[in-house]
Protein backbone atom coordinates (compact mmCIF):
# COMPACT_ATOMS: atom_id res chain seq x y z
CA GLY A 1 9.89 4.34 17.84
CA CYS A 2 6.94 5.59 18.90
CA LYS A 3 5.50 7.29 16.06
CA PHE A 4 4.21 6.11 11.99
CA ASN A 5 7.79 6.15 10.42
CA THR A 6 6.68 6.53 6.75
CA GLU A 7 10.14 6.17 5.14
CA ARG A 8 10.34 2.81 6.77
CA VAL A 9 6.43 1.93 5.49
CA LYS A 10 7.14 2.71 2.11
CA ARG A 11 10.69 0.54 1.95
CA VAL A 12 8.44 -2.47 3.12
CA LEU A 13 5.58 -1.21 0.71
CA GLU A 14 7.95 -1.14 -2.04
CA ARG A 15 9.92 -4.82 -1.13
CA ALA A 16 6.42 -6.71 -0.70
CA LEU A 17 4.66 -5.38 -4.08
CA ALA A 18 7.95 -6.01 -5.74
CA GLY A 19 8.23 -9.51 -4.20
CA ALA A 20 4.78 -10.31 -5.39
CA LEU A 21 3.98 -8.94 -8.09
CA GLY A 22 7.45 -8.98 -10.16
CA THR A 23 6.76 -10.28 -13.70
CA THR A 24 3.04 -10.82 -12.79
CA VAL A 25 0.57 -10.44 -16.15
CA TYR A 26 -2.44 -8.58 -15.40
CA SER A 27 -5.70 -10.59 -15.71
CA PRO A 28 -9.31 -8.59 -15.25
CA GLN A 29 -10.34 -12.05 -14.21
CA ASP A 30 -8.00 -12.12 -11.37
CA SER A 31 -6.85 -8.70 -10.35
CA ALA A 32 -9.91 -8.30 -7.51
CA GLN A 33 -8.28 -11.25 -5.70
CA LEU A 34 -4.92 -10.60 -6.14
CA ALA A 35 -5.38 -7.02 -4.27
CA GLN A 36 -7.18 -8.44 -1.56
CA SER A 37 -4.36 -10.92 -0.77
CA LEU A 38 -1.86 -7.75 -1.38
CA VAL A 39 -3.85 -6.18 0.92
CA GLU A 40 -3.61 -9.03 3.65
CA LEU A 41 0.21 -8.87 2.77
CA LEU A 42 1.23 -5.55 3.36
CA GLN A 43 -0.88 -4.78 6.22
CA SER A 44 0.71 -7.73 8.16
CA GLN A 45 4.16 -6.19 6.75
CA ALA A 46 3.51 -3.04 7.78
CA LYS A 47 2.14 -4.22 11.15
CA GLU A 48 6.23 -5.56 11.40
CA VAL A 49 7.24 -2.00 11.56
CA VAL A 50 4.36 0.03 12.73
CA PRO A 51 4.10 1.06 17.11
CA PRO A 52 1.30 -1.22 18.57
CA ARG A 53 -0.78 2.08 19.19
CA TYR A 54 -1.63 2.37 15.38
CA LYS A 55 -4.76 0.79 13.16
CA LEU A 56 -3.70 0.36 9.52
CA VAL A 57 -6.02 0.92 6.94
CA CYS A 58 -4.69 -0.69 3.64
CA GLN A 59 -5.77 0.15 -0.01
CA VAL A 60 -4.02 -1.22 -3.39
CA LEU A 61 -4.99 -0.05 -6.88
CA LEU A 62 -4.72 -2.81 -10.03
CA GLY A 63 -4.41 -1.01 -13.45
CA GLN A 64 -3.57 -2.99 -16.47
CA GLN A 65 -0.58 -0.71 -18.44
CA SER A 66 -2.29 0.66 -21.51
CA GLN A 67 -0.31 4.10 -21.91
CA GLN A 68 -2.82 5.73 -19.66
CA SER A 69 -2.48 8.16 -16.99
CA LEU A 70 -4.12 7.79 -13.65
CA LEU A 71 -4.41 10.17 -10.72
CA VAL A 72 -5.09 8.93 -7.20
CA ALA A 73 -6.03 11.12 -4.22
CA SER A 74 -7.55 10.11 -0.74
CA GLN A 75 -8.26 12.81 2.07
CA ALA A 76 -8.87 11.82 5.91
CA LEU A 77 -9.95 13.00 9.06
CA TRP A 78 -7.01 12.82 11.33
CA ASP A 79 -4.56 14.13 13.98
CA PRO A 80 -1.70 15.67 12.02
CA LYS A 81 0.82 15.35 15.21
CA ASN A 82 0.03 11.47 15.38
CA ASP A 83 -1.34 10.24 12.22
CA ASN A 84 0.31 9.74 9.05
CA PHE A 85 0.58 7.41 5.78
CA ALA A 86 3.00 5.95 3.20
CA SER A 87 2.37 4.84 -0.46
CA THR A 88 4.26 3.76 -3.47
CA THR A 89 3.95 2.34 -6.44
CA PHE A 90 4.91 -0.66 -8.69
CA SER A 91 4.94 -1.21 -12.12
CA ASN A 92 5.76 -3.77 -15.14
CA ALA A 93 5.39 -4.12 -18.23
CA SER A 94 1.77 -5.92 -17.72
CA LEU A 95 0.21 -3.98 -14.69
CA PHE A 96 0.73 -1.06 -11.99
CA ALA A 97 -0.21 -0.73 -8.36
CA VAL A 98 -0.72 2.15 -6.06
CA ALA A 99 -0.61 0.82 -2.39
CA THR A 100 -1.24 3.30 0.41
CA VAL A 101 -1.33 2.42 4.33
CA HIS A 102 -2.60 5.05 6.71
CA GLY A 103 -1.49 4.16 10.42
CA VAL A 104 -4.19 6.09 13.08
CA TYR A 105 -3.11 6.71 16.01
CA PHE A 106 -5.55 4.44 18.92
CA GLU A 107 -5.33 6.07 22.54
């Protein structure tokens, strides 16, 4: 109960992305605002399942589906005993999204 639960946060991310993006069509003009609103949504929903001593760092990457590949990586300096992250992807016929939430324990 006091640790960052990766599986629980991942389920929250999956539900939130599916609900928010569903059949959304990719638009280059609207993608920045959409990414920002997704970050706010994911952060507020993840806060509900993460213990209060954790600070959250949320990141969303959006792109157009066009038969290309993409590799996303991150690196952080943290305490492996307490800190963790959850990540998931969503895609439909028009777009894809990669969402990551890092939970950093704050003493």
